Structures are given as C-alpha cells and as structure tokens.
Amino acid sequence: MSKAEAAGELEYSTIERLLAASGHRLYSAPTRRDDVASAGAAVRFHLRHGDRQRALRTFIQLSDDLAAERGLVRGVLCLAEPEPTGDPAWDAALAALVALRLNEERLPRPEWVDAEDRRLSSPRTLAVDAADPLPAQHDVPTEFFDRGVLIWADTLASV
C-alpha cells in the first residue's frame, strides 16, 4: 500500500484491487450528508473547546441527516465507528442515535453500536444545560435509555 500512497492519486480500479487483496470492499452512497464518524469528530472538537451547545447542535444535525436518508444510504452513513469524543455519555449517545435511526427502517446495526463501551454504567444526561430537568423514562427513546443516556425524545424531533 505504501507504494500506492507514494504514487499520489490512484485510479478507482487500483483502490478496489488493493482493498480486495485485503478482504475488503469499497462502498459509496449518493449523499451530501455527513456520516456518523465525521459528526462524531465535530462533537469531539466542540467538547474539547468547552462548547456543549455546538456539540448538541452537531448531534441534532446528525439526527436530522440520518432521518432524511432512507435504506442503504442511511446504513452507509452509520457504518464507520466514530472515534471517542472524550465523554462516555456522548459516545453512548452517538451509538444510541445510530441504533434509533437504523431501527426505524429495520436496518442492521454495525457491531460498534452495541459495544459495551458505548453504554453507561449509570444513567446521565449530556450535561448541556444544568437547568434542564431530567426526563422520565417514558420521555427517553428506548435506544438511549438502554445505553444510559437521558435525553428528551423531542430533542431529536426535526424542526
């Protein structure tokens, strides 16, 4: 692979051949929306800079983006595991959001979504606004409650 990387731009057929040799395939989907890994990186950036409001807006935009796509495209946007955000609640929330949106269409979930490190040992919020009251269990989507993330269902409702 290093020779191929040193060569600069590669033809699609070359990339396909290299991936096939390693037992992988390349998939693409027609969309202008960010995938979960990209949104997770943006959430991580905002959290590192202490901006939980922007992290939440990025999270809500991801929710809207996934809800707007259907079938295979929605599934492709959820495949790549996001790197840790630095906050286990946000990591669990990303997994919960993917589970929610894929369950809506009865699509299979990638393994990373159900990993133990994507679950909290004690339920908590995303700590965006200390003045927000805690939602009751019936106000939290099941996928979030199962991962220990207390978030109001209407937070994910597109405006």
N, C-alpha and C. Protein backbone atom coordinates (compact mmCIF):
# COMPACT_ATOMS: atom_id res chain seq x y z
N MET A 1 0.83 -1.19 0.00
CA MET A 1 0.00 0.00 0.00
C MET A 1 0.87 1.25 0.00
N SER A 2 2.03 1.23 0.65
CA SER A 2 2.85 2.43 0.74
C SER A 2 3.32 2.89 -0.65
N LYS A 3 3.62 1.97 -1.56
CA LYS A 3 3.99 2.36 -2.92
C LYS A 3 2.83 3.06 -3.60
N ALA A 4 1.63 2.53 -3.38
CA ALA A 4 0.44 3.14 -3.98
C ALA A 4 0.22 4.54 -3.41
N GLU A 5 0.41 4.69 -2.10
CA GLU A 5 0.23 6.01 -1.47
C GLU A 5 1.25 7.00 -1.99
N ALA A 6 2.48 6.56 -2.18
CA ALA A 6 3.54 7.43 -2.67
C ALA A 6 3.29 7.88 -4.10
N ALA A 7 2.52 7.11 -4.84
CA ALA A 7 2.24 7.44 -6.24
C ALA A 7 1.29 8.62 -6.38
N GLY A 8 0.65 9.04 -5.30
CA GLY A 8 -0.29 10.16 -5.39
C GLY A 8 -1.70 9.67 -5.64
N GLU A 9 -2.40 10.29 -6.56
CA GLU A 9 -3.79 9.91 -6.85
C GLU A 9 -3.85 8.52 -7.46
N LEU A 10 -4.83 7.75 -7.02
CA LEU A 10 -4.99 6.39 -7.51
C LEU A 10 -6.27 6.26 -8.31
N GLU A 11 -6.25 5.39 -9.27
CA GLU A 11 -7.45 5.06 -10.02
C GLU A 11 -8.37 4.24 -9.12
N TYR A 12 -9.66 4.34 -9.35
CA TYR A 12 -10.63 3.57 -8.57
C TYR A 12 -10.33 2.08 -8.66
N SER A 13 -10.01 1.60 -9.85
CA SER A 13 -9.74 0.17 -10.03
C SER A 13 -8.54 -0.29 -9.19
N THR A 14 -7.55 0.58 -9.02
CA THR A 14 -6.39 0.25 -8.19
C THR A 14 -6.79 0.14 -6.73
N ILE A 15 -7.59 1.09 -6.27
CA ILE A 15 -8.07 1.07 -4.88
C ILE A 15 -8.90 -0.18 -4.65
N GLU A 16 -9.78 -0.47 -5.61
CA GLU A 16 -10.64 -1.65 -5.49
C GLU A 16 -9.80 -2.93 -5.40
N ARG A 17 -8.76 -3.03 -6.21
CA ARG A 17 -7.88 -4.20 -6.21
C ARG A 17 -7.13 -4.32 -4.88
N LEU A 18 -6.62 -3.21 -4.38
CA LEU A 18 -5.90 -3.23 -3.10
C LEU A 18 -6.82 -3.65 -1.96
N LEU A 19 -8.01 -3.11 -1.96
CA LEU A 19 -8.97 -3.48 -0.92
C LEU A 19 -9.36 -4.95 -1.02
N ALA A 20 -9.60 -5.42 -2.24
CA ALA A 20 -9.97 -6.82 -2.44
C ALA A 20 -8.87 -7.75 -1.94
N ALA A 21 -7.62 -7.36 -2.15
CA ALA A 21 -6.49 -8.19 -1.70
C ALA A 21 -6.46 -8.30 -0.17
N SER A 22 -7.01 -7.29 0.49
CA SER A 22 -7.03 -7.34 1.97
C SER A 22 -8.38 -7.83 2.50
N GLY A 23 -9.24 -8.30 1.58
CA GLY A 23 -10.53 -8.84 2.01
C GLY A 23 -11.60 -7.78 2.27
N HIS A 24 -11.43 -6.60 1.72
CA HIS A 24 -12.38 -5.51 1.93
C HIS A 24 -13.00 -5.05 0.62
N ARG A 25 -14.08 -4.32 0.76
CA ARG A 25 -14.75 -3.71 -0.39
C ARG A 25 -14.97 -2.24 -0.12
N LEU A 26 -15.10 -1.47 -1.17
CA LEU A 26 -15.38 -0.05 -1.05
C LEU A 26 -16.82 0.20 -1.48
N TYR A 27 -17.57 0.88 -0.62
CA TYR A 27 -18.94 1.23 -0.94
C TYR A 27 -19.07 2.74 -0.94
N SER A 28 -19.94 3.23 -1.76
CA SER A 28 -20.21 4.66 -1.74
C SER A 28 -21.72 4.85 -1.82
N ALA A 29 -22.15 6.01 -1.38
CA ALA A 29 -23.58 6.30 -1.37
C ALA A 29 -23.79 7.72 -1.86
N PRO A 30 -24.83 7.93 -2.67
CA PRO A 30 -25.10 9.28 -3.18
C PRO A 30 -25.77 10.16 -2.11
N THR A 31 -24.96 10.98 -1.43
CA THR A 31 -25.49 11.86 -0.40
C THR A 31 -24.55 13.03 -0.20
N ARG A 32 -25.09 14.10 0.31
CA ARG A 32 -24.28 15.27 0.67
C ARG A 32 -24.19 15.40 2.19
N ARG A 33 -24.71 14.43 2.88
CA ARG A 33 -24.78 14.49 4.35
C ARG A 33 -23.53 13.86 4.97
N ASP A 34 -23.19 14.35 6.18
CA ASP A 34 -22.05 13.79 6.90
C ASP A 34 -22.40 12.43 7.47
N ASP A 35 -21.39 11.59 7.59
CA ASP A 35 -21.59 10.29 8.24
C ASP A 35 -21.37 10.45 9.75
N VAL A 36 -21.63 9.38 10.49
CA VAL A 36 -21.54 9.42 11.95
C VAL A 36 -20.11 9.70 12.39
N ALA A 37 -19.12 9.13 11.72
CA ALA A 37 -17.74 9.35 12.11
C ALA A 37 -17.36 10.82 11.98
N SER A 38 -17.78 11.48 10.91
CA SER A 38 -17.47 12.90 10.73
C SER A 38 -18.19 13.76 11.78
N ALA A 39 -19.45 13.45 12.01
CA ALA A 39 -20.21 14.20 13.03
C ALA A 39 -19.60 13.97 14.41
N GLY A 40 -19.18 12.73 14.69
CA GLY A 40 -18.55 12.43 15.97
C GLY A 40 -17.27 13.23 16.17
N ALA A 41 -16.49 13.39 15.09
CA ALA A 41 -15.27 14.20 15.17
C ALA A 41 -15.61 15.65 15.48
N ALA A 42 -16.68 16.16 14.89
CA ALA A 42 -17.10 17.54 15.17
C ALA A 42 -17.57 17.68 16.61
N VAL A 43 -18.31 16.69 17.11
CA VAL A 43 -18.75 16.71 18.51
C VAL A 43 -17.52 16.73 19.42
N ARG A 44 -16.55 15.85 19.14
CA ARG A 44 -15.32 15.80 19.93
C ARG A 44 -14.62 17.16 19.94
N PHE A 45 -14.53 17.82 18.79
CA PHE A 45 -13.89 19.13 18.68
C PHE A 45 -14.61 20.15 19.58
N HIS A 46 -15.93 20.19 19.49
CA HIS A 46 -16.70 21.15 20.29
C HIS A 46 -16.57 20.87 21.79
N LEU A 47 -16.58 19.59 22.16
CA LEU A 47 -16.43 19.25 23.58
C LEU A 47 -15.05 19.65 24.10
N ARG A 48 -14.03 19.42 23.30
CA ARG A 48 -12.66 19.80 23.72
C ARG A 48 -12.53 21.30 23.91
N HIS A 49 -13.34 22.05 23.20
CA HIS A 49 -13.30 23.51 23.32
C HIS A 49 -14.38 24.04 24.27
N GLY A 50 -14.99 23.12 25.00
CA GLY A 50 -15.96 23.52 26.03
C GLY A 50 -17.28 24.03 25.51
N ASP A 51 -17.61 23.73 24.26
CA ASP A 51 -18.84 24.24 23.66
C ASP A 51 -19.86 23.12 23.52
N ARG A 52 -20.54 22.79 24.61
CA ARG A 52 -21.53 21.71 24.60
C ARG A 52 -22.76 22.07 23.76
N GLN A 53 -23.08 23.35 23.67
CA GLN A 53 -24.22 23.76 22.84
C GLN A 53 -23.97 23.43 21.37
N ARG A 54 -22.76 23.74 20.88
CA ARG A 54 -22.44 23.41 19.48
C ARG A 54 -22.34 21.91 19.28
N ALA A 55 -21.85 21.20 20.29
CA ALA A 55 -21.81 19.73 20.21
C ALA A 55 -23.23 19.20 20.06
N LEU A 56 -24.16 19.75 20.84
CA LEU A 56 -25.55 19.31 20.75
C LEU A 56 -26.15 19.66 19.39
N ARG A 57 -25.87 20.86 18.88
CA ARG A 57 -26.39 21.23 17.56
C ARG A 57 -25.86 20.28 16.48
N THR A 58 -24.58 19.90 16.58
CA THR A 58 -24.00 18.95 15.63
C THR A 58 -24.71 17.60 15.75
N PHE A 59 -24.97 17.17 16.97
CA PHE A 59 -25.65 15.91 17.24
C PHE A 59 -27.07 15.93 16.65
N ILE A 60 -27.78 17.03 16.85
CA ILE A 60 -29.14 17.16 16.30
C ILE A 60 -29.12 17.18 14.78
N GLN A 61 -28.11 17.85 14.20
CA GLN A 61 -27.99 17.86 12.74
C GLN A 61 -27.75 16.45 12.22
N LEU A 62 -26.93 15.68 12.92
CA LEU A 62 -26.70 14.29 12.53
C LEU A 62 -28.01 13.52 12.58
N SER A 63 -28.77 13.73 13.62
CA SER A 63 -30.08 13.06 13.73
C SER A 63 -30.97 13.41 12.55
N ASP A 64 -31.02 14.69 12.20
CA ASP A 64 -31.82 15.13 11.06
C ASP A 64 -31.30 14.53 9.75
N ASP A 65 -29.97 14.50 9.60
CA ASP A 65 -29.37 13.94 8.37
C ASP A 65 -29.71 12.47 8.22
N LEU A 66 -29.59 11.72 9.30
CA LEU A 66 -29.90 10.29 9.22
C LEU A 66 -31.39 10.07 8.96
N ALA A 67 -32.23 10.88 9.59
CA ALA A 67 -33.68 10.74 9.39
C ALA A 67 -34.08 11.07 7.95
N ALA A 68 -33.32 11.94 7.30
CA ALA A 68 -33.66 12.37 5.94
C ALA A 68 -33.29 11.33 4.89
N GLU A 69 -32.35 10.45 5.21
CA GLU A 69 -31.93 9.43 4.25
C GLU A 69 -32.73 8.16 4.48
N ARG A 70 -32.76 7.33 3.49
CA ARG A 70 -33.50 6.07 3.55
C ARG A 70 -32.62 4.90 3.15
N GLY A 71 -32.97 3.73 3.66
CA GLY A 71 -32.37 2.47 3.23
C GLY A 71 -30.86 2.45 3.26
N LEU A 72 -30.28 1.99 2.15
CA LEU A 72 -28.85 1.77 2.05
C LEU A 72 -28.05 3.02 2.39
N VAL A 73 -28.49 4.19 1.94
CA VAL A 73 -27.73 5.41 2.21
C VAL A 73 -27.68 5.67 3.71
N ARG A 74 -28.80 5.51 4.40
CA ARG A 74 -28.80 5.69 5.86
C ARG A 74 -27.83 4.70 6.49
N GLY A 75 -27.87 3.46 6.04
CA GLY A 75 -26.97 2.44 6.58
C GLY A 75 -25.51 2.77 6.36
N VAL A 76 -25.16 3.22 5.17
CA VAL A 76 -23.77 3.56 4.85
C VAL A 76 -23.28 4.70 5.74
N LEU A 77 -24.13 5.68 6.02
CA LEU A 77 -23.73 6.81 6.86
C LEU A 77 -23.43 6.39 8.30
N CYS A 78 -23.87 5.20 8.68
CA CYS A 78 -23.70 4.72 10.06
C CYS A 78 -22.60 3.67 10.21
N LEU A 79 -21.98 3.26 9.13
CA LEU A 79 -21.02 2.15 9.19
C LEU A 79 -19.74 2.46 9.97
N ALA A 80 -19.09 3.56 9.67
CA ALA A 80 -17.79 3.85 10.27
C ALA A 80 -17.94 4.28 11.73
N GLU A 81 -17.23 3.61 12.61
CA GLU A 81 -17.30 3.92 14.03
C GLU A 81 -16.62 5.26 14.32
N PRO A 82 -17.32 6.14 15.01
CA PRO A 82 -16.67 7.41 15.37
C PRO A 82 -15.62 7.18 16.46
N GLU A 83 -14.57 7.97 16.42
CA GLU A 83 -13.56 7.91 17.47
C GLU A 83 -14.18 8.42 18.77
N PRO A 84 -13.63 8.02 19.91
CA PRO A 84 -14.17 8.50 21.18
C PRO A 84 -14.17 10.03 21.25
N THR A 85 -15.23 10.57 21.84
CA THR A 85 -15.37 12.03 21.96
C THR A 85 -14.64 12.58 23.18
N GLY A 86 -14.26 11.70 24.09
CA GLY A 86 -13.67 12.15 25.34
C GLY A 86 -14.69 12.17 26.47
N ASP A 87 -15.95 11.89 26.12
CA ASP A 87 -17.02 11.86 27.13
C ASP A 87 -17.87 10.62 26.85
N PRO A 88 -17.87 9.66 27.79
CA PRO A 88 -18.61 8.41 27.57
C PRO A 88 -20.10 8.61 27.28
N ALA A 89 -20.71 9.66 27.84
CA ALA A 89 -22.14 9.89 27.58
C ALA A 89 -22.37 10.25 26.12
N TRP A 90 -21.49 11.05 25.55
CA TRP A 90 -21.63 11.42 24.13
C TRP A 90 -21.33 10.23 23.23
N ASP A 91 -20.37 9.38 23.63
CA ASP A 91 -20.07 8.17 22.86
C ASP A 91 -21.29 7.25 22.85
N ALA A 92 -21.92 7.10 24.01
CA ALA A 92 -23.13 6.28 24.10
C ALA A 92 -24.27 6.90 23.31
N ALA A 93 -24.37 8.22 23.34
CA ALA A 93 -25.44 8.92 22.61
C ALA A 93 -25.30 8.72 21.11
N LEU A 94 -24.08 8.77 20.59
CA LEU A 94 -23.89 8.53 19.15
C LEU A 94 -24.34 7.13 18.77
N ALA A 95 -23.99 6.14 19.59
CA ALA A 95 -24.41 4.76 19.33
C ALA A 95 -25.94 4.65 19.42
N ALA A 96 -26.52 5.31 20.40
CA ALA A 96 -27.98 5.27 20.58
C ALA A 96 -28.69 5.90 19.38
N LEU A 97 -28.16 7.01 18.90
CA LEU A 97 -28.78 7.68 17.76
C LEU A 97 -28.73 6.79 16.52
N VAL A 98 -27.60 6.15 16.29
CA VAL A 98 -27.49 5.25 15.15
C VAL A 98 -28.47 4.09 15.31
N ALA A 99 -28.53 3.52 16.50
CA ALA A 99 -29.48 2.42 16.74
C ALA A 99 -30.91 2.87 16.47
N LEU A 100 -31.26 4.06 16.95
CA LEU A 100 -32.61 4.60 16.75
C LEU A 100 -32.94 4.74 15.27
N ARG A 101 -32.06 5.41 14.54
CA ARG A 101 -32.34 5.68 13.12
C ARG A 101 -32.30 4.41 12.28
N LEU A 102 -31.42 3.46 12.59
CA LEU A 102 -31.40 2.21 11.83
C LEU A 102 -32.60 1.34 12.19
N ASN A 103 -33.00 1.33 13.46
CA ASN A 103 -34.19 0.57 13.87
C ASN A 103 -35.45 1.07 13.18
N GLU A 104 -35.52 2.38 12.93
CA GLU A 104 -36.70 2.93 12.25
C GLU A 104 -36.95 2.27 10.90
N GLU A 105 -35.89 1.87 10.25
CA GLU A 105 -36.02 1.23 8.93
C GLU A 105 -35.70 -0.26 8.97
N ARG A 106 -35.58 -0.78 10.17
CA ARG A 106 -35.25 -2.20 10.36
C ARG A 106 -33.97 -2.59 9.62
N LEU A 107 -32.98 -1.71 9.71
CA LEU A 107 -31.68 -1.95 9.09
C LEU A 107 -30.74 -2.56 10.13
N PRO A 108 -29.81 -3.40 9.69
CA PRO A 108 -28.86 -3.98 10.64
C PRO A 108 -27.93 -2.91 11.21
N ARG A 109 -27.51 -3.14 12.45
CA ARG A 109 -26.60 -2.19 13.11
C ARG A 109 -25.17 -2.69 13.01
N PRO A 110 -24.24 -1.77 12.78
CA PRO A 110 -22.83 -2.18 12.83
C PRO A 110 -22.47 -2.61 14.27
N GLU A 111 -21.48 -3.47 14.41
CA GLU A 111 -21.11 -4.01 15.72
C GLU A 111 -20.77 -2.93 16.74
N TRP A 112 -20.13 -1.85 16.30
CA TRP A 112 -19.69 -0.82 17.26
C TRP A 112 -20.85 -0.23 18.04
N VAL A 113 -22.04 -0.23 17.46
CA VAL A 113 -23.21 0.39 18.10
C VAL A 113 -23.59 -0.34 19.39
N ASP A 114 -23.37 -1.64 19.45
CA ASP A 114 -23.76 -2.43 20.61
C ASP A 114 -22.59 -2.78 21.53
N ALA A 115 -21.44 -2.16 21.31
CA ALA A 115 -20.27 -2.43 22.15
C ALA A 115 -20.50 -1.93 23.57
N GLU A 116 -19.94 -2.63 24.54
CA GLU A 116 -20.11 -2.27 25.96
C GLU A 116 -19.59 -0.87 26.26
N ASP A 117 -18.53 -0.43 25.56
CA ASP A 117 -18.00 0.90 25.84
C ASP A 117 -18.89 2.01 25.28
N ARG A 118 -19.99 1.61 24.65
CA ARG A 118 -20.99 2.58 24.17
C ARG A 118 -22.22 2.57 25.08
N ARG A 119 -22.04 2.11 26.32
CA ARG A 119 -23.11 2.09 27.33
C ARG A 119 -22.56 2.70 28.61
N LEU A 120 -23.43 3.40 29.32
CA LEU A 120 -23.04 4.00 30.60
C LEU A 120 -23.43 3.07 31.74
N SER A 121 -22.61 3.02 32.77
CA SER A 121 -22.94 2.18 33.92
C SER A 121 -24.04 2.82 34.77
N SER A 122 -24.11 4.14 34.79
CA SER A 122 -25.22 4.84 35.47
C SER A 122 -25.79 5.88 34.52
N PRO A 123 -27.12 5.93 34.45
CA PRO A 123 -27.77 6.87 33.53
C PRO A 123 -27.40 8.32 33.84
N ARG A 124 -27.22 9.10 32.77
CA ARG A 124 -26.96 10.54 32.91
C ARG A 124 -27.32 11.27 31.64
N THR A 125 -27.34 12.58 31.74
CA THR A 125 -27.65 13.43 30.59
C THR A 125 -26.36 13.77 29.85
N LEU A 126 -26.49 14.54 28.80
CA LEU A 126 -25.32 15.02 28.06
C LEU A 126 -24.74 16.27 28.70
N ALA A 127 -25.34 16.73 29.79
CA ALA A 127 -24.85 17.87 30.57
C ALA A 127 -24.64 19.12 29.73
N VAL A 128 -25.62 19.43 28.89
CA VAL A 128 -25.53 20.63 28.06
C VAL A 128 -26.01 21.85 28.85
N ASP A 129 -27.11 21.71 29.54
CA ASP A 129 -27.68 22.82 30.32
C ASP A 129 -28.11 22.28 31.68
N ALA A 130 -27.43 22.74 32.73
CA ALA A 130 -27.72 22.26 34.09
C ALA A 130 -29.16 22.56 34.51
N ALA A 131 -29.80 23.54 33.88
CA ALA A 131 -31.17 23.90 34.24
C ALA A 131 -32.21 22.95 33.65
N ASP A 132 -31.79 22.11 32.68
CA ASP A 132 -32.74 21.17 32.08
C ASP A 132 -33.17 20.12 33.11
N PRO A 133 -34.48 19.90 33.24
CA PRO A 133 -34.93 18.84 34.15
C PRO A 133 -34.61 17.47 33.55
N LEU A 134 -34.47 16.48 34.41
CA LEU A 134 -34.23 15.12 33.94
C LEU A 134 -35.50 14.56 33.31
N PRO A 135 -35.38 13.94 32.15
CA PRO A 135 -36.57 13.31 31.56
C PRO A 135 -36.93 12.02 32.29
N ALA A 136 -38.20 11.73 32.31
CA ALA A 136 -38.66 10.45 32.84
C ALA A 136 -38.37 9.37 31.80
N GLN A 137 -38.34 8.11 32.23
CA GLN A 137 -38.01 7.01 31.32
C GLN A 137 -38.91 7.02 30.08
N HIS A 138 -40.20 7.30 30.25
CA HIS A 138 -41.10 7.27 29.10
C HIS A 138 -40.87 8.44 28.13
N ASP A 139 -40.07 9.43 28.53
CA ASP A 139 -39.74 10.55 27.65
C ASP A 139 -38.43 10.35 26.90
N VAL A 140 -37.74 9.24 27.18
CA VAL A 140 -36.43 8.95 26.59
C VAL A 140 -36.60 7.83 25.56
N PRO A 141 -36.10 8.01 24.33
CA PRO A 141 -36.18 6.90 23.36
C PRO A 141 -35.49 5.66 23.93
N THR A 142 -36.08 4.51 23.67
CA THR A 142 -35.58 3.24 24.21
C THR A 142 -34.10 3.03 23.93
N GLU A 143 -33.66 3.33 22.73
CA GLU A 143 -32.26 3.11 22.35
C GLU A 143 -31.31 3.93 23.23
N PHE A 144 -31.77 5.10 23.65
CA PHE A 144 -30.96 5.94 24.53
C PHE A 144 -31.01 5.43 25.96
N PHE A 145 -32.22 5.11 26.43
CA PHE A 145 -32.38 4.63 27.80
C PHE A 145 -31.58 3.35 28.02
N ASP A 146 -31.59 2.46 27.03
CA ASP A 146 -30.86 1.19 27.13
C ASP A 146 -29.35 1.41 27.24
N ARG A 147 -28.85 2.53 26.76
CA ARG A 147 -27.42 2.84 26.82
C ARG A 147 -27.10 3.82 27.96
N GLY A 148 -28.11 4.16 28.75
CA GLY A 148 -27.89 5.02 29.91
C GLY A 148 -27.85 6.50 29.62
N VAL A 149 -28.31 6.90 28.45
CA VAL A 149 -28.30 8.32 28.08
C VAL A 149 -29.70 8.89 28.25
N LEU A 150 -29.81 9.88 29.12
CA LEU A 150 -31.11 10.51 29.38
C LEU A 150 -31.24 11.75 28.51
N ILE A 151 -32.02 11.60 27.46
CA ILE A 151 -32.23 12.70 26.52
C ILE A 151 -33.72 12.72 26.18
N TRP A 152 -34.28 13.90 26.12
CA TRP A 152 -35.69 14.05 25.77
C TRP A 152 -35.90 13.62 24.32
N ALA A 153 -36.95 12.85 24.06
CA ALA A 153 -37.25 12.41 22.68
C ALA A 153 -37.46 13.59 21.77
N ASP A 154 -38.08 14.67 22.28
CA ASP A 154 -38.34 15.82 21.39
C ASP A 154 -37.07 16.58 21.02
N THR A 155 -35.95 16.31 21.68
CA THR A 155 -34.66 16.90 21.27
C THR A 155 -34.30 16.41 19.88
N LEU A 156 -34.72 15.20 19.56
CA LEU A 156 -34.37 14.59 18.27
C LEU A 156 -35.42 14.85 17.19
N ALA A 157 -36.49 15.53 17.55
CA ALA A 157 -37.54 15.82 16.56
C ALA A 157 -37.06 16.98 15.69
N SER A 158 -37.07 16.77 14.40
CA SER A 158 -36.63 17.81 13.48
C SER A 158 -37.60 18.99 13.52
N VAL A 159 -37.03 20.16 13.39
CA VAL A 159 -37.87 21.37 13.44
C VAL A 159 -38.31 21.80 12.08
